[in-house]
């Protein structure tokens, strides 16, 4: 059993609330738009991190993290990318590959809109954790946490950090 904290779009913001939830996880996954690498450095001091770079990330982030991160967590095929779209509206950059070889769990960020949706056509679960940072149009800072147990994705929780000011 692996407890995951999923966040995205921190835009250089890290705080004690994010780190508190990171401490409770086994792994932290970041779906891009990290901003300052101090964010991922702080997380890596606490827990293993899997991340991708986003469209606002600089060359240092792009050298440290890939654009696409596809891996297995236990028995679940996971694909994380920053700009990926969602079921029925996948981004052209990933559309062909996701149709040919769908993962069980497809994660992206970018929109700042928290969304969890099952794609019946491709038999995959799509997650976007919203935005954990303070920059953007979102009103509430959000993250997701869930458990992967062998081939099951379960115990999904929405974490609302606070209203963005």
Protein backbone atom coordinates (compact mmCIF):
# COMPACT_ATOMS: atom_id res chain seq x y z
CA UNK A 1 0.00 0.00 0.00
CA UNK A 2 1.37 3.41 -1.03
CA UNK A 3 -0.11 6.70 0.21
CA UNK A 4 0.18 9.43 -2.42
CA UNK A 5 -0.07 13.21 -2.09
CA UNK A 6 -0.75 14.77 -5.50
CA UNK A 7 -0.28 18.47 -6.12
CA UNK A 8 0.29 20.82 -9.02
CA UNK A 9 0.71 24.45 -9.96
CA UNK A 10 2.56 25.59 -6.85
CA UNK A 11 4.06 28.50 -8.83
CA UNK A 12 6.97 28.83 -6.35
CA UNK A 13 4.74 28.59 -3.25
CA UNK A 14 5.44 26.09 -0.46
CA UNK A 15 4.14 26.36 3.08
CA UNK A 16 3.79 24.35 6.28
CA UNK A 17 0.32 23.10 5.35
CA UNK A 18 1.60 21.50 2.13
CA UNK A 19 4.58 20.04 3.98
CA UNK A 20 2.33 18.66 6.74
CA UNK A 21 0.38 16.65 4.17
CA UNK A 22 3.60 15.63 2.42
CA UNK A 23 4.88 14.24 5.71
CA UNK A 24 1.79 11.99 5.96
CA UNK A 25 2.34 10.47 2.48
CA UNK A 26 4.68 7.74 1.30
CA UNK A 27 5.33 9.58 -1.99
CA UNK A 28 4.55 13.05 -3.31
CA UNK A 29 3.71 13.59 -6.98
CA UNK A 30 3.86 17.07 -8.54
CA UNK A 31 2.11 17.64 -11.90
CA UNK A 32 4.12 20.68 -13.02
CA UNK A 33 4.35 24.45 -12.81
CA UNK A 34 6.68 24.05 -9.87
CA UNK A 35 8.18 27.52 -10.14
CA UNK A 36 11.14 27.83 -7.79
CA UNK A 37 12.93 24.50 -7.23
CA UNK A 38 12.91 25.34 -3.50
CA UNK A 39 9.40 23.82 -3.62
CA UNK A 40 10.55 20.41 -4.80
CA UNK A 41 13.72 20.57 -2.70
CA UNK A 42 11.61 21.04 0.45
CA UNK A 43 9.39 18.11 -0.50
CA UNK A 44 12.36 15.87 -1.33
CA UNK A 45 13.77 16.48 2.15
CA UNK A 46 10.67 14.77 3.53
CA UNK A 47 9.54 12.16 1.01
CA UNK A 48 10.31 10.59 -2.37
CA UNK A 49 9.11 12.88 -5.17
CA UNK A 50 7.95 12.20 -8.72
CA UNK A 51 7.39 15.32 -10.80
CA UNK A 52 7.16 16.83 -14.27
CA UNK A 53 7.95 20.32 -15.48
CA UNK A 54 5.20 22.69 -16.53
CA UNK A 55 4.93 25.54 -19.00
CA UNK A 56 6.12 28.18 -16.47
CA UNK A 57 9.14 26.15 -15.35
CA UNK A 58 12.63 27.29 -16.25
CA UNK A 59 15.56 25.38 -17.70
CA UNK A 60 16.70 24.18 -14.25
CA UNK A 61 13.35 22.49 -13.62
CA UNK A 62 13.35 21.10 -17.17
CA UNK A 63 16.79 19.60 -16.58
CA UNK A 64 15.71 17.98 -13.30
CA UNK A 65 12.23 16.75 -14.26
CA UNK A 66 10.79 15.27 -17.48
CA UNK A 67 7.84 16.55 -19.48
CA UNK A 68 6.16 13.14 -19.14
CA UNK A 69 6.71 10.74 -16.26
CA UNK A 70 5.32 7.27 -16.84
CA UNK A 71 5.96 4.62 -14.21
CA UNK A 72 4.36 1.87 -12.17
CA UNK A 73 3.34 2.43 -8.59
CA UNK A 74 2.76 -1.04 -7.27
CA UNK A 75 0.64 -2.56 -10.09
CA UNK A 76 -0.82 0.72 -11.40
CA UNK A 77 0.48 2.20 -14.66
CA UNK A 78 0.71 5.97 -14.02
CA UNK A 79 1.34 8.79 -16.49
CA UNK A 80 1.93 12.32 -15.21
CA UNK A 81 2.25 15.31 -17.54
CA UNK A 82 1.48 18.98 -17.01
CA UNK A 83 -0.72 19.83 -20.01
CA UNK A 84 -2.75 16.73 -20.73
CA UNK A 85 -6.39 17.67 -21.00
CA UNK A 86 -9.09 15.34 -19.72
CA UNK A 87 -11.38 12.57 -21.01
CA UNK A 88 -12.87 13.53 -24.35
CA UNK A 89 -10.54 16.55 -24.61
CA UNK A 90 -6.99 15.21 -24.33
CA UNK A 91 -4.26 17.59 -25.43
CA UNK A 92 -3.01 16.96 -28.97
CA UNK A 93 0.48 16.36 -27.57
CA UNK A 94 -0.66 13.21 -25.70
CA UNK A 95 -3.84 12.22 -27.54
CA UNK A 96 -2.41 9.61 -29.90
CA UNK A 97 -0.25 7.87 -27.28
CA UNK A 98 -2.99 7.80 -24.66
CA UNK A 99 -5.37 6.16 -27.14
CA UNK A 100 -2.76 3.61 -28.27
CA UNK A 101 -1.43 2.79 -24.81
CA UNK A 102 -3.65 4.14 -22.02
CA UNK A 103 -2.33 4.08 -18.46
CA UNK A 104 -4.60 3.11 -15.57
CA UNK A 105 -4.07 6.56 -13.97
CA UNK A 106 -3.55 9.73 -16.05
CA UNK A 107 -2.56 12.84 -14.10
CA UNK A 108 -2.11 16.41 -15.25
CA UNK A 109 -2.23 19.94 -13.89
CA UNK A 110 -2.24 23.28 -15.76
CA UNK A 111 -5.95 24.18 -15.60
CA UNK A 112 -6.00 24.99 -11.85
CA UNK A 113 -9.34 23.12 -11.85
CA UNK A 114 -9.60 20.12 -9.55
CA UNK A 115 -11.11 17.27 -11.53
CA UNK A 116 -11.31 13.51 -11.07
CA UNK A 117 -13.04 11.74 -13.93
CA UNK A 118 -13.22 8.16 -15.19
CA UNK A 119 -12.69 7.70 -18.93
CA UNK A 120 -15.00 4.83 -19.88
CA UNK A 121 -13.65 4.63 -23.45
CA UNK A 122 -10.03 4.16 -22.38
CA UNK A 123 -10.74 2.55 -18.99
CA UNK A 124 -8.53 5.00 -17.11
CA UNK A 125 -8.87 7.35 -14.18
CA UNK A 126 -7.99 11.00 -14.82
CA UNK A 127 -6.91 13.26 -11.95
CA UNK A 128 -6.07 16.95 -11.83
CA UNK A 129 -5.39 18.15 -8.27
CA UNK A 130 -6.16 21.80 -9.02
CA UNK A 131 -3.57 24.31 -7.79
CA UNK A 132 -1.70 24.34 -4.48
CA UNK A 133 -0.06 27.70 -5.16
CA UNK A 134 -1.30 31.25 -4.78
CA UNK A 135 -1.01 32.46 -8.39
CA UNK A 136 -3.86 32.00 -10.85
CA UNK A 137 -7.60 32.39 -11.09
CA UNK A 138 -8.54 29.56 -8.70
CA UNK A 139 -10.28 30.60 -5.50
CA UNK A 140 -9.33 27.66 -3.26
CA UNK A 141 -5.91 25.98 -3.09
CA UNK A 142 -6.34 22.22 -3.50
CA UNK A 143 -4.46 18.93 -3.55
CA UNK A 144 -5.50 15.26 -3.68
CA UNK A 145 -4.44 12.29 -1.67
CA UNK A 146 -5.20 8.65 -2.29
CA UNK A 147 -3.90 5.15 -1.80
CA UNK A 148 -2.58 2.69 -4.34
CA UNK A 149 -2.93 -0.86 -3.08
CA UNK A 150 -1.63 -3.40 -5.59
CA UNK A 151 -3.81 -2.63 -8.68
CA UNK A 152 -6.43 -0.54 -6.83
CA UNK A 153 -6.69 3.25 -6.54
CA UNK A 154 -8.75 4.02 -3.45
CA UNK A 155 -9.46 6.29 -0.48
CA UNK A 156 -9.39 9.45 -2.60
CA UNK A 157 -9.57 12.69 -0.59
CA UNK A 158 -9.76 16.31 -1.68
CA UNK A 159 -7.61 18.61 0.43
CA UNK A 160 -8.70 22.22 0.51
CA UNK A 161 -5.82 24.25 1.91
CA UNK A 162 -7.49 27.66 2.11
CA UNK A 163 -9.08 30.33 0.03
CA UNK A 164 -6.47 32.09 -2.05
CA UNK A 165 -5.95 35.72 -1.10
